[in-house]
C-alpha atoms as a PDB file:
ATOM      1  CA  UNK A   1     116.085 -33.405  14.315  1.00  0.00           C
ATOM      2  CA  UNK A   2     112.988 -34.124  16.659  1.00  0.00           C
ATOM      3  CA  UNK A   3     113.817 -37.877  15.921  1.00  0.00           C
ATOM      4  CA  UNK A   4     117.582 -37.482  16.466  1.00  0.00           C
ATOM      5  CA  UNK A   5     117.324 -38.516  20.077  1.00  0.00           C
ATOM      6  CA  UNK A   6     115.715 -41.846  19.458  1.00  0.00           C
ATOM      7  CA  UNK A   7     119.517 -42.868  17.999  1.00  0.00           C
ATOM      8  CA  UNK A   8     121.519 -41.370  20.606  1.00  0.00           C
ATOM      9  CA  UNK A   9     123.180 -45.071  21.223  1.00  0.00           C
ATOM     10  CA  UNK A  10     124.610 -45.215  18.146  1.00  0.00           C
ATOM     11  CA  UNK A  11     127.744 -44.057  16.770  1.00  0.00           C
ATOM     12  CA  UNK A  12     128.170 -40.931  14.800  1.00  0.00           C
ATOM     13  CA  UNK A  13     128.184 -42.727  11.471  1.00  0.00           C
ATOM     14  CA  UNK A  14     125.711 -45.115  12.474  1.00  0.00           C
ATOM     15  CA  UNK A  15     123.003 -42.258  13.668  1.00  0.00           C
ATOM     16  CA  UNK A  16     123.815 -40.206  10.207  1.00  0.00           C
ATOM     17  CA  UNK A  17     122.843 -43.384   8.366  1.00  0.00           C
ATOM     18  CA  UNK A  18     119.704 -43.996  10.153  1.00  0.00           C
ATOM     19  CA  UNK A  19     118.799 -40.435   9.954  1.00  0.00           C
ATOM     20  CA  UNK A  20     119.005 -40.411   6.439  1.00  0.00           C
ATOM     21  CA  UNK A  21     116.767 -43.652   5.904  1.00  0.00           C
ATOM     22  CA  UNK A  22     114.147 -42.374   8.079  1.00  0.00           C
ATOM     23  CA  UNK A  23     113.875 -39.369   5.590  1.00  0.00           C
ATOM     24  CA  UNK A  24     113.909 -41.068   2.733  1.00  0.00           C
ATOM     25  CA  UNK A  25     110.918 -42.981   4.111  1.00  0.00           C
ATOM     26  CA  UNK A  26     109.380 -39.814   4.966  1.00  0.00           C
ATOM     27  CA  UNK A  27     109.759 -38.363   1.457  1.00  0.00           C
ATOM     28  CA  UNK A  28     108.276 -41.660  -0.201  1.00  0.00           C
ATOM     29  CA  UNK A  29     105.383 -41.375   2.244  1.00  0.00           C
ATOM     30  CA  UNK A  30     104.627 -37.621   1.456  1.00  0.00           C
ATOM     31  CA  UNK A  31     104.716 -38.405  -2.519  1.00  0.00           C
ATOM     32  CA  UNK A  32     101.935 -41.314  -1.906  1.00  0.00           C
ATOM     33  CA  UNK A  33      99.791 -39.201  -0.014  1.00  0.00           C
ATOM     34  CA  UNK A  34      99.742 -36.375  -2.592  1.00  0.00           C
ATOM     35  CA  UNK A  35      98.276 -36.945  -6.192  1.00  0.00           C
ATOM     36  CA  UNK A  36      99.970 -35.630  -9.143  1.00  0.00           C
ATOM     37  CA  UNK A  37      98.844 -32.330 -10.492  1.00  0.00           C
ATOM     38  CA  UNK A  38      96.699 -31.721 -13.330  1.00  0.00           C
ATOM     39  CA  UNK A  39      98.394 -31.627 -16.615  1.00  0.00           C
ATOM     40  CA  UNK A  40     101.379 -33.763 -15.398  1.00  0.00           C
ATOM     41  CA  UNK A  41     102.255 -37.161 -17.053  1.00  0.00           C
ATOM     42  CA  UNK A  42      99.985 -38.908 -15.056  1.00  0.00           C
ATOM     43  CA  UNK A  43      97.107 -37.087 -15.987  1.00  0.00           C
ATOM     44  CA  UNK A  44      94.343 -38.917 -17.315  1.00  0.00           C
ATOM     45  CA  UNK A  45      94.600 -39.565 -21.189  1.00  0.00           C
ATOM     46  CA  UNK A  46      92.412 -37.679 -23.336  1.00  0.00           C
ATOM     47  CA  UNK A  47      89.212 -38.825 -24.628  1.00  0.00           C
ATOM     48  CA  UNK A  48      89.484 -41.439 -27.657  1.00  0.00           C
ATOM     49  CA  UNK A  49      89.421 -39.074 -31.134  1.00  0.00           C
ATOM     50  CA  UNK A  50      87.380 -41.767 -32.582  1.00  0.00           C
ATOM     51  CA  UNK A  51      84.417 -41.293 -30.554  1.00  0.00           C
ATOM     52  CA  UNK A  52      83.906 -37.444 -31.963  1.00  0.00           C
ATOM     53  CA  UNK A  53      80.742 -37.773 -33.867  1.00  0.00           C
ATOM     54  CA  UNK A  54      81.057 -36.475 -37.629  1.00  0.00           C
ATOM     55  CA  UNK A  55      79.079 -33.158 -38.963  1.00  0.00           C
ATOM     56  CA  UNK A  56      76.098 -34.205 -40.430  1.00  0.00           C
ATOM     57  CA  UNK A  57      76.193 -32.773 -44.179  1.00  0.00           C
ATOM     58  CA  UNK A  58      74.557 -29.260 -44.832  1.00  0.00           C
ATOM     59  CA  UNK A  59      70.568 -29.953 -46.341  1.00  0.00           C
ATOM     60  CA  UNK A  60      70.415 -28.916 -50.206  1.00  0.00           C
ATOM     61  CA  UNK A  61      68.869 -25.721 -50.967  1.00  0.00           C
ATOM     62  CA  UNK A  62      65.545 -25.737 -51.815  1.00  0.00           C
ATOM     63  CA  UNK A  63      64.806 -25.649 -55.771  1.00  0.00           C
ATOM     64  CA  UNK A  64      63.777 -22.330 -57.109  1.00  0.00           C
ATOM     65  CA  UNK A  65      60.826 -21.994 -59.243  1.00  0.00           C
ATOM     66  CA  UNK A  66      60.669 -18.406 -61.758  1.00  0.00           C
ATOM     67  CA  UNK A  67      56.851 -18.351 -62.700  1.00  0.00           C
ATOM     68  CA  UNK A  68      56.138 -15.559 -65.812  1.00  0.00           C
ATOM     69  CA  UNK A  69      53.447 -15.263 -68.129  1.00  0.00           C
ATOM     70  CA  UNK A  70      53.576 -14.933 -72.014  1.00  0.00           C
ATOM     71  CA  UNK A  71      50.415 -14.244 -73.737  1.00  0.00           C
ATOM     72  CA  UNK A  72      50.202 -15.206 -77.512  1.00  0.00           C
ATOM     73  CA  UNK A  73      48.265 -12.770 -79.367  1.00  0.00           C
ATOM     74  CA  UNK A  74      48.159 -14.330 -82.857  1.00  0.00           C
ATOM     75  CA  UNK A  75      47.062 -17.969 -80.647  1.00  0.00           C
ATOM     76  CA  UNK A  76      45.058 -15.960 -78.166  1.00  0.00           C
ATOM     77  CA  UNK A  77      46.237 -17.840 -75.441  1.00  0.00           C
ATOM     78  CA  UNK A  78      47.925 -17.491 -72.202  1.00  0.00           C
ATOM     79  CA  UNK A  79      51.040 -19.434 -71.422  1.00  0.00           C
ATOM     80  CA  UNK A  80      52.019 -20.086 -67.218  1.00  0.00           C
ATOM     81  CA  UNK A  81      55.851 -20.838 -67.731  1.00  0.00           C
ATOM     82  CA  UNK A  82      57.918 -22.002 -65.018  1.00  0.00           C
ATOM     83  CA  UNK A  83      62.092 -22.162 -65.129  1.00  0.00           C
ATOM     84  CA  UNK A  84      61.719 -21.446 -68.865  1.00  0.00           C
ATOM     85  CA  UNK A  85      59.323 -24.359 -69.596  1.00  0.00           C
ATOM     86  CA  UNK A  86      55.378 -24.181 -70.582  1.00  0.00           C
ATOM     87  CA  UNK A  87      53.730 -25.614 -67.380  1.00  0.00           C
ATOM     88  CA  UNK A  88      50.072 -24.747 -68.597  1.00  0.00           C
ATOM     89  CA  UNK A  89      48.160 -22.673 -70.944  1.00  0.00           C
ATOM     90  CA  UNK A  90      44.755 -20.941 -71.035  1.00  0.00           C
ATOM     91  CA  UNK A  91      42.358 -19.505 -74.000  1.00  0.00           C
ATOM     92  CA  UNK A  92      42.172 -15.728 -73.750  1.00  0.00           C
ATOM     93  CA  UNK A  93      40.843 -12.574 -75.490  1.00  0.00           C
ATOM     94  CA  UNK A  94      42.849  -9.596 -76.664  1.00  0.00           C
ATOM     95  CA  UNK A  95      41.520  -6.456 -78.094  1.00  0.00           C
ATOM     96  CA  UNK A  96      39.267  -6.516 -80.804  1.00  0.00           C
ATOM     97  CA  UNK A  97      41.059  -3.383 -82.079  1.00  0.00           C
ATOM     98  CA  UNK A  98      44.367  -4.921 -82.279  1.00  0.00           C
ATOM     99  CA  UNK A  99      47.843  -3.803 -80.705  1.00  0.00           C
ATOM    100  CA  UNK A 100      49.239  -0.769 -79.528  1.00  0.00           C
ATOM    101  CA  UNK A 101      49.709   1.514 -76.472  1.00  0.00           C
ATOM    102  CA  UNK A 102      48.641   4.735 -77.569  1.00  0.00           C
ATOM    103  CA  UNK A 103      46.148   6.714 -74.981  1.00  0.00           C
ATOM    104  CA  UNK A 104      42.542   6.168 -75.800  1.00  0.00           C
ATOM    105  CA  UNK A 105      42.917   3.421 -78.470  1.00  0.00           C
ATOM    106  CA  UNK A 106      41.268   0.561 -76.828  1.00  0.00           C
ATOM    107  CA  UNK A 107      44.432  -1.250 -77.819  1.00  0.00           C
ATOM    108  CA  UNK A 108      46.377  -4.577 -76.329  1.00  0.00           C
ATOM    109  CA  UNK A 109      50.045  -3.559 -75.285  1.00  0.00           C
ATOM    110  CA  UNK A 110      52.668  -5.444 -76.385  1.00  0.00           C
ATOM    111  CA  UNK A 111      56.815  -6.182 -75.199  1.00  0.00           C
ATOM    112  CA  UNK A 112      57.836  -6.634 -71.441  1.00  0.00           C
ATOM    113  CA  UNK A 113      55.363  -6.172 -68.715  1.00  0.00           C
ATOM    114  CA  UNK A 114      54.872  -6.858 -64.837  1.00  0.00           C
ATOM    115  CA  UNK A 115      52.345  -7.332 -62.390  1.00  0.00           C
ATOM    116  CA  UNK A 116      51.810  -4.351 -60.358  1.00  0.00           C
ATOM    117  CA  UNK A 117      49.410  -5.344 -58.296  1.00  0.00           C
ATOM    118  CA  UNK A 118      46.654  -7.946 -57.393  1.00  0.00           C
ATOM    119  CA  UNK A 119      43.018  -6.895 -56.571  1.00  0.00           C
ATOM    120  CA  UNK A 120      40.243  -9.423 -55.400  1.00  0.00           C
ATOM    121  CA  UNK A 121      42.080 -12.315 -53.634  1.00  0.00           C
ATOM    122  CA  UNK A 122      38.548 -12.909 -51.622  1.00  0.00           C
ATOM    123  CA  UNK A 123      35.909 -12.412 -54.185  1.00  0.00           C
ATOM    124  CA  UNK A 124      33.420 -15.230 -55.259  1.00  0.00           C
ATOM    125  CA  UNK A 125      33.790 -16.703 -58.659  1.00  0.00           C
ATOM    126  CA  UNK A 126      31.392 -14.207 -60.888  1.00  0.00           C
ATOM    127  CA  UNK A 127      32.005 -11.519 -58.552  1.00  0.00           C
ATOM    128  CA  UNK A 128      31.352  -8.237 -60.721  1.00  0.00           C
ATOM    129  CA  UNK A 129      34.285  -5.392 -59.737  1.00  0.00           C
ATOM    130  CA  UNK A 130      33.399  -1.582 -60.679  1.00  0.00           C
ATOM    131  CA  UNK A 131      35.905   0.974 -60.266  1.00  0.00           C
ATOM    132  CA  UNK A 132      37.906  -2.186 -58.953  1.00  0.00           C
ATOM    133  CA  UNK A 133      36.150  -2.782 -56.078  1.00  0.00           C
ATOM    134  CA  UNK A 134      33.840  -6.096 -55.457  1.00  0.00           C
ATOM    135  CA  UNK A 135      30.203  -4.916 -55.762  1.00  0.00           C
ATOM    136  CA  UNK A 136      28.398  -8.108 -54.037  1.00  0.00           C
ATOM    137  CA  UNK A 137      26.733  -9.203 -57.566  1.00  0.00           C
ATOM    138  CA  UNK A 138      27.701 -12.547 -58.642  1.00  0.00           C
ATOM    139  CA  UNK A 139      27.309 -13.498 -62.316  1.00  0.00           C
ATOM    140  CA  UNK A 140      26.647 -16.718 -63.762  1.00  0.00           C
ATOM    141  CA  UNK A 141      29.106 -17.610 -67.397  1.00  0.00           C
ATOM    142  CA  UNK A 142      27.694 -16.156 -70.398  1.00  0.00           C
ATOM    143  CA  UNK A 143      25.007 -13.865 -68.804  1.00  0.00           C
ATOM    144  CA  UNK A 144      22.907 -12.411 -71.065  1.00  0.00           C
ATOM    145  CA  UNK A 145      23.624  -8.453 -71.884  1.00  0.00           C
ATOM    146  CA  UNK A 146      26.522  -8.483 -69.406  1.00  0.00           C
ATOM    147  CA  UNK A 147      30.005  -7.341 -69.835  1.00  0.00           C
ATOM    148  CA  UNK A 148      32.229  -6.328 -66.499  1.00  0.00           C
ATOM    149  CA  UNK A 149      35.505  -7.543 -65.103  1.00  0.00           C
ATOM    150  CA  UNK A 150      34.595 -10.368 -62.882  1.00  0.00           C
ATOM    151  CA  UNK A 151      36.567 -12.484 -60.224  1.00  0.00           C
ATOM    152  CA  UNK A 152      40.106 -11.283 -60.281  1.00  0.00           C
ATOM    153  CA  UNK A 153      42.167  -8.506 -61.270  1.00  0.00           C
ATOM    154  CA  UNK A 154      45.664  -8.589 -62.320  1.00  0.00           C
ATOM    155  CA  UNK A 155      47.014  -5.273 -63.163  1.00  0.00           C
ATOM    156  CA  UNK A 156      49.924  -4.327 -65.001  1.00  0.00           C
ATOM    157  CA  UNK A 157      52.903  -1.819 -65.931  1.00  0.00           C
ATOM    158  CA  UNK A 158      54.789  -1.518 -68.718  1.00  0.00           C
ATOM    159  CA  UNK A 159      58.859  -2.065 -68.745  1.00  0.00           C
ATOM    160  CA  UNK A 160      59.044  -1.021 -72.276  1.00  0.00           C
ATOM    161  CA  UNK A 161      58.716   2.637 -73.846  1.00  0.00           C
ATOM    162  CA  UNK A 162      56.375   1.432 -76.497  1.00  0.00           C
ATOM    163  CA  UNK A 163      54.204   0.069 -73.519  1.00  0.00           C
ATOM    164  CA  UNK A 164      54.720   2.673 -71.069  1.00  0.00           C
ATOM    165  CA  UNK A 165      51.159   3.688 -70.672  1.00  0.00           C
ATOM    166  CA  UNK A 166      49.971   0.321 -69.931  1.00  0.00           C
ATOM    167  CA  UNK A 167      49.351   1.208 -66.225  1.00  0.00           C
ATOM    168  CA  UNK A 168      47.406   4.401 -66.754  1.00  0.00           C
ATOM    169  CA  UNK A 169      45.571   2.619 -69.378  1.00  0.00           C
ATOM    170  CA  UNK A 170      44.348  -0.244 -66.418  1.00  0.00           C
ATOM    171  CA  UNK A 171      45.659  -2.811 -68.784  1.00  0.00           C
ATOM    172  CA  UNK A 172      44.588  -5.911 -66.483  1.00  0.00           C
ATOM    173  CA  UNK A 173      44.339  -9.883 -66.856  1.00  0.00           C
ATOM    174  CA  UNK A 174      40.358 -10.321 -65.616  1.00  0.00           C
ATOM    175  CA  UNK A 175      37.700 -12.366 -65.370  1.00  0.00           C
ATOM    176  CA  UNK A 176      35.007 -11.920 -68.029  1.00  0.00           C
ATOM    177  CA  UNK A 177      31.585 -13.870 -67.954  1.00  0.00           C
ATOM    178  CA  UNK A 178      31.693 -13.927 -71.764  1.00  0.00           C
ATOM    179  CA  UNK A 179      33.338 -16.808 -71.743  1.00  0.00           C
ATOM    180  CA  UNK A 180      32.154 -18.269 -75.265  1.00  0.00           C
ATOM    181  CA  UNK A 181      34.025 -15.221 -76.990  1.00  0.00           C
ATOM    182  CA  UNK A 182      37.246 -16.420 -75.598  1.00  0.00           C
ATOM    183  CA  UNK A 183      39.605 -17.704 -78.099  1.00  0.00           C
ATOM    184  CA  UNK A 184      39.041 -14.685 -80.656  1.00  0.00           C
ATOM    185  CA  UNK A 185      39.986 -11.119 -80.258  1.00  0.00           C
ATOM    186  CA  UNK A 186      37.164  -9.592 -78.292  1.00  0.00           C
ATOM    187  CA  UNK A 187      38.302  -7.099 -75.302  1.00  0.00           C
ATOM    188  CA  UNK A 188      38.800  -3.281 -74.978  1.00  0.00           C
ATOM    189  CA  UNK A 189      42.493  -3.570 -74.149  1.00  0.00           C
ATOM    190  CA  UNK A 190      42.857  -5.918 -71.463  1.00  0.00           C
ATOM    191  CA  UNK A 191      43.486  -9.865 -71.208  1.00  0.00           C
ATOM    192  CA  UNK A 192      40.329 -11.552 -70.486  1.00  0.00           C
ATOM    193  CA  UNK A 193      40.245 -15.430 -69.267  1.00  0.00           C
ATOM    194  CA  UNK A 194      37.395 -17.755 -68.042  1.00  0.00           C
ATOM    195  CA  UNK A 195      37.035 -16.914 -64.004  1.00  0.00           C
ATOM    196  CA  UNK A 196      37.982 -20.344 -62.994  1.00  0.00           C
ATOM    197  CA  UNK A 197      41.346 -20.044 -64.789  1.00  0.00           C
ATOM    198  CA  UNK A 198      42.595 -16.144 -63.818  1.00  0.00           C
ATOM    199  CA  UNK A 199      41.909 -17.422 -60.261  1.00  0.00           C
ATOM    200  CA  UNK A 200      44.406 -20.524 -60.674  1.00  0.00           C
ATOM    201  CA  UNK A 201      46.983 -17.761 -62.485  1.00  0.00           C
ATOM    202  CA  UNK A 202      46.236 -15.189 -59.732  1.00  0.00           C
ATOM    203  CA  UNK A 203      47.362 -17.670 -57.420  1.00  0.00           C
ATOM    204  CA  UNK A 204      50.656 -18.542 -58.767  1.00  0.00           C
ATOM    205  CA  UNK A 205      51.931 -15.239 -59.251  1.00  0.00           C
ATOM    206  CA  UNK A 206      53.163 -12.352 -57.093  1.00  0.00           C
ATOM    207  CA  UNK A 207      53.677  -8.736 -57.475  1.00  0.00           C
ATOM    208  CA  UNK A 208      56.417  -8.045 -60.042  1.00  0.00           C
ATOM    209  CA  UNK A 209      55.886 -11.148 -62.054  1.00  0.00           C
ATOM    210  CA  UNK A 210      57.163 -10.844 -65.441  1.00  0.00           C
ATOM    211  CA  UNK A 211      54.552 -10.739 -68.421  1.00  0.00           C
ATOM    212  CA  UNK A 212      55.213 -11.042 -72.110  1.00  0.00           C
ATOM    213  CA  UNK A 213      52.516  -9.801 -74.448  1.00  0.00           C
ATOM    214  CA  UNK A 214      53.431 -11.294 -77.970  1.00  0.00           C
ATOM    215  CA  UNK A 215      52.970 -11.392 -81.740  1.00  0.00           C
ATOM    216  CA  UNK A 216      53.827 -14.556 -81.985  1.00  0.00           C
ATOM    217  CA  UNK A 217      53.682 -18.113 -81.009  1.00  0.00           C
ATOM    218  CA  UNK A 218      53.749 -19.155 -77.273  1.00  0.00           C
ATOM    219  CA  UNK A 219      56.591 -21.758 -78.124  1.00  0.00           C
ATOM    220  CA  UNK A 220      58.415 -18.668 -79.939  1.00  0.00           C
ATOM    221  CA  UNK A 221      57.930 -16.143 -77.290  1.00  0.00           C
ATOM    222  CA  UNK A 222      59.347 -18.600 -74.267  1.00  0.00           C
ATOM    223  CA  UNK A 223      62.763 -19.537 -76.157  1.00  0.00           C
ATOM    224  CA  UNK A 224      63.473 -15.860 -76.948  1.00  0.00           C
ATOM    225  CA  UNK A 225      62.447 -15.233 -72.984  1.00  0.00           C
ATOM    226  CA  UNK A 226      64.968 -17.731 -71.867  1.00  0.00           C
ATOM    227  CA  UNK A 227      67.333 -16.389 -74.529  1.00  0.00           C
ATOM    228  CA  UNK A 228      67.632 -12.994 -73.040  1.00  0.00           C
ATOM    229  CA  UNK A 229      67.973 -14.604 -69.853  1.00  0.00           C
ATOM    230  CA  UNK A 230      71.144 -16.429 -70.407  1.00  0.00           C
ATOM    231  CA  UNK A 231      72.381 -13.593 -72.541  1.00  0.00           C
ATOM    232  CA  UNK A 232      71.610 -11.334 -69.277  1.00  0.00           C
ATOM    233  CA  UNK A 233      73.107 -13.604 -66.940  1.00  0.00           C
ATOM    234  CA  UNK A 234      76.362 -13.761 -69.588  1.00  0.00           C
ATOM    235  CA  UNK A 235      76.631 -10.440 -69.624  1.00  0.00           C
ATOM    236  CA  UNK A 236      76.360 -10.115 -65.919  1.00  0.00           C
ATOM    237  CA  UNK A 237      79.503 -12.196 -65.366  1.00  0.00           C
ATOM    238  CA  UNK A 238      81.621 -10.676 -68.076  1.00  0.00           C
ATOM    239  CA  UNK A 239      80.969  -7.233 -66.328  1.00  0.00           C
ATOM    240  CA  UNK A 240      81.858  -8.924 -62.491  1.00  0.00           C
ATOM    241  CA  UNK A 241      85.074 -10.207 -64.371  1.00  0.00           C
ATOM    242  CA  UNK A 242      86.446  -7.016 -65.665  1.00  0.00           C
ATOM    243  CA  UNK A 243      85.473  -5.472 -62.426  1.00  0.00           C
ATOM    244  CA  UNK A 244      87.783  -8.270 -60.482  1.00  0.00           C
ATOM    245  CA  UNK A 245      90.548  -7.252 -63.090  1.00  0.00           C
ATOM    246  CA  UNK A 246      90.282  -3.381 -62.665  1.00  0.00           C
ATOM    247  CA  UNK A 247      90.680  -4.164 -58.868  1.00  0.00           C
END
């Protein structure tokens, strides 16, 4: 070794001891100058688990509002029904010729229908329609000698076999200037409403909204719709259960 000359004056045993002592001190010095590698026992301890912030709970889902319309022929009223509860009712007029769906009958169809389309969202109150187009004319309430469709058109389509002609017969819920006739049968098949009322209903519904025209009071019509909905949900659950069993 290079440092062996420094111990030439010592006997053999003393030289070996001195060389071993120097080598041990050099090893200690080397370890002091080189830090422990990452991941070794002397590495920094992990972060305190208690410092981790708990995840925030998921926000509650927004409530779902299901809107339907129920028209009572005997009461001559239309109800806006939200989640099976009557939210508001309005005075209306159905056909002076009674109820039915035959072509050319001028009757009001009954049963389950739906909103097929909405027309006239920007037409002013009392705005007159001809051929489902706004003419630019605006009528005042109870204008003498005039009986056009005004303000809004909610066009219906039938969902039952018994009202399958409704769309082709142009059965609407619409505004009328003859507001003093509301509350009794006076239309030619459509469902007439006060202009301010039909505009309100127009803004609450969408294409596809269900409409039930019934020959019973509003309360019974709403209850039967709710019962039908629960029955349908129960049948769907039973069908899904049977499907899982077959799998």
